[in-house]
Amino acid sequence: MKTVVISAEDGKVAQLLTTLAKKMGLKSYVLDDQKKDEIALIRAIDEGMKSEKLPVKSAYDILDNLLH
């Protein structure tokens, strides 16, 4: 399975894309800012778990890149 993430500034565009995906038999989800931040944090933690040591500055850099 592949995942595609599309960022839409307009709510109508997001709704149109969601409707189109459903008509194509695909699953679609609309994420609010809180969910996006949670996913970014989970990814940062996952990256940190892959290495033996992660300097604090690097952790902050990863979080900054994921959240912005």
C-alpha atoms as a PDB file:
ATOM      1  CA  MET A   1       0.000   0.000   0.000  1.00  0.00           C
ATOM      2  CA  LYS A   2       1.205   3.532  -0.774  1.00  0.00           C
ATOM      3  CA  THR A   3       0.214   6.710   1.009  1.00  0.00           C
ATOM      4  CA  VAL A   4      -0.168  10.131  -0.569  1.00  0.00           C
ATOM      5  CA  VAL A   5      -0.330  13.298   1.505  1.00  0.00           C
ATOM      6  CA  ILE A   6      -1.860  16.414  -0.041  1.00  0.00           C
ATOM      7  CA  SER A   7      -1.936  19.738   1.738  1.00  0.00           C
ATOM      8  CA  ALA A   8      -4.875  21.970   0.784  1.00  0.00           C
ATOM      9  CA  GLU A   9      -5.150  25.549   2.026  1.00  0.00           C
ATOM     10  CA  ASP A  10      -8.861  25.723   1.196  1.00  0.00           C
ATOM     11  CA  GLY A  11     -11.489  23.610   2.965  1.00  0.00           C
ATOM     12  CA  LYS A  12     -13.499  23.252  -0.246  1.00  0.00           C
ATOM     13  CA  VAL A  13     -10.502  21.828  -2.096  1.00  0.00           C
ATOM     14  CA  ALA A  14      -9.838  19.375   0.742  1.00  0.00           C
ATOM     15  CA  GLN A  15     -13.484  18.281   0.661  1.00  0.00           C
ATOM     16  CA  LEU A  16     -13.395  17.870  -3.133  1.00  0.00           C
ATOM     17  CA  LEU A  17     -10.266  15.716  -2.945  1.00  0.00           C
ATOM     18  CA  THR A  18     -11.760  13.617  -0.145  1.00  0.00           C
ATOM     19  CA  THR A  19     -14.954  13.082  -2.124  1.00  0.00           C
ATOM     20  CA  LEU A  20     -13.003  12.169  -5.256  1.00  0.00           C
ATOM     21  CA  ALA A  21     -10.858   9.685  -3.324  1.00  0.00           C
ATOM     22  CA  LYS A  22     -13.937   8.003  -1.855  1.00  0.00           C
ATOM     23  CA  LYS A  23     -15.573   7.746  -5.291  1.00  0.00           C
ATOM     24  CA  MET A  24     -12.388   6.068  -6.524  1.00  0.00           C
ATOM     25  CA  GLY A  25     -12.647   3.518  -3.722  1.00  0.00           C
ATOM     26  CA  LEU A  26      -9.746   4.979  -1.754  1.00  0.00           C
ATOM     27  CA  LYS A  27      -9.591   5.782   1.925  1.00  0.00           C
ATOM     28  CA  SER A  28      -8.997   9.414   2.786  1.00  0.00           C
ATOM     29  CA  TYR A  29      -8.540  11.314   6.016  1.00  0.00           C
ATOM     30  CA  VAL A  30      -8.484  15.002   6.828  1.00  0.00           C
ATOM     31  CA  LEU A  31      -5.919  15.797   9.517  1.00  0.00           C
ATOM     32  CA  ASP A  32      -6.161  18.856  11.718  1.00  0.00           C
ATOM     33  CA  ASP A  33      -3.052  20.689  12.921  1.00  0.00           C
ATOM     34  CA  GLN A  34      -2.970  18.747  16.196  1.00  0.00           C
ATOM     35  CA  LYS A  35      -2.940  15.379  14.404  1.00  0.00           C
ATOM     36  CA  LYS A  36      -0.188  16.584  12.050  1.00  0.00           C
ATOM     37  CA  ASP A  37       1.911  17.669  15.044  1.00  0.00           C
ATOM     38  CA  GLU A  38       1.341  14.309  16.751  1.00  0.00           C
ATOM     39  CA  ILE A  39       2.481  12.440  13.632  1.00  0.00           C
ATOM     40  CA  ALA A  40       5.570  14.647  13.366  1.00  0.00           C
ATOM     41  CA  LEU A  41       6.442  13.947  17.002  1.00  0.00           C
ATOM     42  CA  ILE A  42       5.970  10.200  16.531  1.00  0.00           C
ATOM     43  CA  ARG A  43       8.255  10.290  13.481  1.00  0.00           C
ATOM     44  CA  ALA A  44      10.887  12.244  15.430  1.00  0.00           C
ATOM     45  CA  ILE A  45      10.768   9.708  18.265  1.00  0.00           C
ATOM     46  CA  ASP A  46      11.018   6.863  15.759  1.00  0.00           C
ATOM     47  CA  GLU A  47      14.080   8.442  14.153  1.00  0.00           C
ATOM     48  CA  GLY A  48      15.657   8.876  17.581  1.00  0.00           C
ATOM     49  CA  MET A  49      15.037   5.237  18.460  1.00  0.00           C
ATOM     50  CA  LYS A  50      16.948   4.105  15.353  1.00  0.00           C
ATOM     51  CA  SER A  51      20.217   5.678  16.460  1.00  0.00           C
ATOM     52  CA  GLU A  52      22.190   4.886  19.575  1.00  0.00           C
ATOM     53  CA  LYS A  53      22.597   8.477  20.717  1.00  0.00           C
ATOM     54  CA  LEU A  54      20.988  11.669  19.538  1.00  0.00           C
ATOM     55  CA  PRO A  55      22.347  15.034  20.687  1.00  0.00           C
ATOM     56  CA  VAL A  56      19.684  17.370  22.086  1.00  0.00           C
ATOM     57  CA  LYS A  57      20.368  19.960  19.350  1.00  0.00           C
ATOM     58  CA  SER A  58      19.796  17.330  16.666  1.00  0.00           C
ATOM     59  CA  ALA A  59      16.525  16.318  18.311  1.00  0.00           C
ATOM     60  CA  TYR A  60      15.340  19.925  18.252  1.00  0.00           C
ATOM     61  CA  ASP A  61      16.412  20.284  14.613  1.00  0.00           C
ATOM     62  CA  ILE A  62      14.440  17.179  13.643  1.00  0.00           C
ATOM     63  CA  LEU A  63      11.363  18.424  15.472  1.00  0.00           C
ATOM     64  CA  ASP A  64      11.656  21.873  13.877  1.00  0.00           C
ATOM     65  CA  ASN A  65      11.917  20.334  10.390  1.00  0.00           C
ATOM     66  CA  LEU A  66       8.941  18.050  10.951  1.00  0.00           C
ATOM     67  CA  LEU A  67       6.705  20.696  12.469  1.00  0.00           C
ATOM     68  CA  HIS A  68       7.374  23.423   9.900  1.00  0.00           C
END
